[in-house]
Amino acid sequence: MEMTTVERELEMRLVLSAEQSVSVPARLTYRTSDPYAVHIVFHIGSEHPVYWTFARELLVEGVFRPCGYGDVRIWPSKANGRSVVLMALSSPDGDALLEAPTSQVSAWLERTLGVVAPGTEAERLGIDDGLAALLSAEA
């Protein structure tokens, strides 16, 4: 199976307070070799990039309604009259609230869903083939 990567660079905002946010360059990455996950790297091009990985399904749902709990929570909102997706990320190193333009995130997600449709992720992993080979080897 051919491996495909779908990437998108975008400017996100790190929300510091109700009045203040700073621009954070980020890259969204989806790989068919890891079909259930999305990868985000913040501060791309800096000495200390920050990497996050979480379920693609969480981001798909979070564009439309609040979802997630614990380390990753995502929900739709408005900022200065624009539709945005908010991501609350928590780790032992600290917490961050990031804002991304809904249109850019949605367009990228649509590309990932075109490459691997929801519900077909397991087929990309070849688990059934591997399991069948394992079971036939024991027979």
Protein backbone atom coordinates (compact mmCIF):
# COMPACT_ATOMS: atom_id res chain seq x y z
CA MET A 1 0.00 0.00 0.00
CA GLU A 2 1.32 3.40 -0.95
CA MET A 3 1.98 5.80 1.92
CA THR A 4 0.51 9.27 1.58
CA THR A 5 1.19 12.33 3.71
CA VAL A 6 -1.19 15.30 3.83
CA GLU A 7 0.37 18.47 5.29
CA ARG A 8 -0.74 22.04 5.86
CA GLU A 9 1.19 24.92 7.35
CA LEU A 10 -0.84 27.61 9.06
CA GLU A 11 -0.62 30.39 11.58
CA MET A 12 -2.31 29.50 14.85
CA ARG A 13 -2.77 31.82 17.80
CA LEU A 14 -1.60 30.99 21.31
CA VAL A 15 -4.24 32.56 23.57
CA LEU A 16 -2.55 34.20 26.55
CA SER A 17 -5.63 36.00 27.93
CA ALA A 18 -9.03 37.27 26.76
CA GLU A 19 -7.26 40.29 25.21
CA GLN A 20 -3.92 38.88 24.14
CA SER A 21 -2.68 36.16 21.81
CA VAL A 22 0.51 35.55 19.86
CA SER A 23 1.04 34.01 16.44
CA VAL A 24 2.44 30.47 16.38
CA PRO A 25 3.48 28.87 13.09
CA ALA A 26 2.23 25.28 12.96
CA ARG A 27 2.10 22.31 10.62
CA LEU A 28 -0.72 19.76 10.50
CA THR A 29 0.37 16.33 9.26
CA TYR A 30 -1.62 13.20 8.46
CA ARG A 31 0.03 9.96 7.35
CA THR A 32 -1.75 6.94 5.93
CA SER A 33 0.79 4.79 7.81
CA ASP A 34 -0.76 6.12 11.07
CA PRO A 35 -4.38 6.47 9.89
CA TYR A 36 -6.07 7.18 13.22
CA ALA A 37 -3.80 10.08 14.22
CA VAL A 38 -3.12 13.68 13.35
CA HIS A 39 0.21 15.29 14.16
CA ILE A 40 0.73 18.96 14.90
CA VAL A 41 4.08 20.65 15.31
CA PHE A 42 4.15 24.16 16.76
CA HIS A 43 7.00 26.65 16.43
CA ILE A 44 8.14 25.02 13.20
CA GLY A 45 11.57 26.23 12.23
CA SER A 46 12.50 27.13 15.81
CA GLU A 47 15.07 25.52 18.07
CA HIS A 48 12.38 23.99 20.27
CA PRO A 49 9.43 22.75 18.20
CA VAL A 50 6.54 21.25 20.16
CA TYR A 51 4.89 18.05 18.86
CA TRP A 52 1.39 16.81 19.60
CA THR A 53 -0.38 13.70 18.31
CA PHE A 54 -4.02 12.85 18.89
CA ALA A 55 -6.98 11.13 17.22
CA ARG A 56 -8.08 12.52 13.85
CA GLU A 57 -11.66 11.77 14.89
CA LEU A 58 -11.26 14.23 17.78
CA LEU A 59 -10.31 17.07 15.43
CA VAL A 60 -13.07 16.19 12.94
CA GLU A 61 -15.67 16.29 15.72
CA GLY A 62 -14.15 19.36 17.40
CA VAL A 63 -14.73 21.49 14.29
CA PHE A 64 -18.49 21.06 14.92
CA ARG A 65 -18.96 20.53 18.66
CA PRO A 66 -16.98 20.44 21.91
CA CYS A 67 -15.21 17.12 22.40
CA GLY A 68 -12.31 15.51 24.16
CA TYR A 69 -11.27 15.39 27.77
CA GLY A 70 -8.03 15.27 29.67
CA ASP A 71 -4.96 16.27 27.67
CA VAL A 72 -6.76 17.33 24.46
CA ARG A 73 -10.04 19.24 24.26
CA ILE A 74 -11.31 20.82 21.03
CA TRP A 75 -14.32 23.02 20.30
CA PRO A 76 -15.62 25.51 17.71
CA SER A 77 -15.83 29.21 18.56
CA LYS A 78 -15.70 32.72 17.12
CA ALA A 79 -12.83 35.22 17.35
CA ASN A 80 -13.19 38.71 15.92
CA GLY A 81 -16.15 37.54 13.85
CA ARG A 82 -14.22 34.58 12.36
CA SER A 83 -14.93 30.89 12.90
CA VAL A 84 -12.09 29.26 14.78
CA VAL A 85 -11.28 25.90 16.31
CA LEU A 86 -9.91 26.07 19.84
CA MET A 87 -7.56 23.38 21.14
CA ALA A 88 -6.79 23.13 24.84
CA LEU A 89 -3.64 21.03 25.28
CA SER A 90 -2.36 19.92 28.68
CA SER A 91 0.95 18.24 29.49
CA PRO A 92 3.30 17.97 32.47
CA ASP A 93 5.20 20.90 30.88
CA GLY A 94 2.16 23.18 30.97
CA ASP A 95 -1.14 24.05 29.35
CA ALA A 96 -1.84 25.89 26.12
CA LEU A 97 -4.96 27.23 24.44
CA LEU A 98 -4.54 27.48 20.68
CA GLU A 99 -6.83 28.94 18.07
CA ALA A 100 -6.84 27.92 14.40
CA PRO A 101 -8.96 29.20 11.48
CA THR A 102 -11.82 26.73 10.98
CA SER A 103 -11.70 27.08 7.19
CA GLN A 104 -8.03 26.04 6.99
CA VAL A 105 -8.40 23.15 9.45
CA SER A 106 -11.58 21.91 7.71
CA ALA A 107 -10.01 22.06 4.24
CA TRP A 108 -7.02 20.03 5.48
CA LEU A 109 -9.27 17.51 7.25
CA GLU A 110 -11.33 17.05 4.08
CA ARG A 111 -8.12 16.17 2.23
CA THR A 112 -7.24 13.56 4.90
CA LEU A 113 -10.76 12.10 4.73
CA GLY A 114 -10.42 11.85 0.96
CA VAL A 115 -7.21 9.83 1.38
CA VAL A 116 -8.54 7.54 4.15
CA ALA A 117 -12.31 7.59 4.65
CA PRO A 118 -13.62 7.37 8.22
CA GLY A 119 -14.15 3.74 9.19
CA THR A 120 -11.53 2.41 6.76
CA GLU A 121 -8.46 3.20 8.89
CA ALA A 122 -7.95 -0.43 9.99
CA GLU A 123 -7.66 -1.51 6.35
CA ARG A 124 -4.64 0.80 6.00
CA LEU A 125 -2.88 -0.93 8.87
CA GLY A 126 -3.18 -4.40 7.35
CA ILE A 127 -4.07 -5.85 10.74
CA ASP A 128 -6.44 -8.39 9.20
CA ASP A 129 -3.73 -9.58 6.78
CA GLY A 130 -1.18 -9.83 9.57
CA LEU A 131 -3.58 -11.67 11.83
CA ALA A 132 -4.56 -14.10 9.04
CA ALA A 133 -0.88 -14.80 8.31
CA LEU A 134 -0.18 -15.34 12.00
CA LEU A 135 -3.11 -17.72 12.43
CA SER A 136 -2.31 -19.68 9.25
CA ALA A 137 1.31 -20.06 10.36
CA GLU A 138 0.13 -21.80 13.52
CA ALA A 139 -2.18 -24.20 11.67
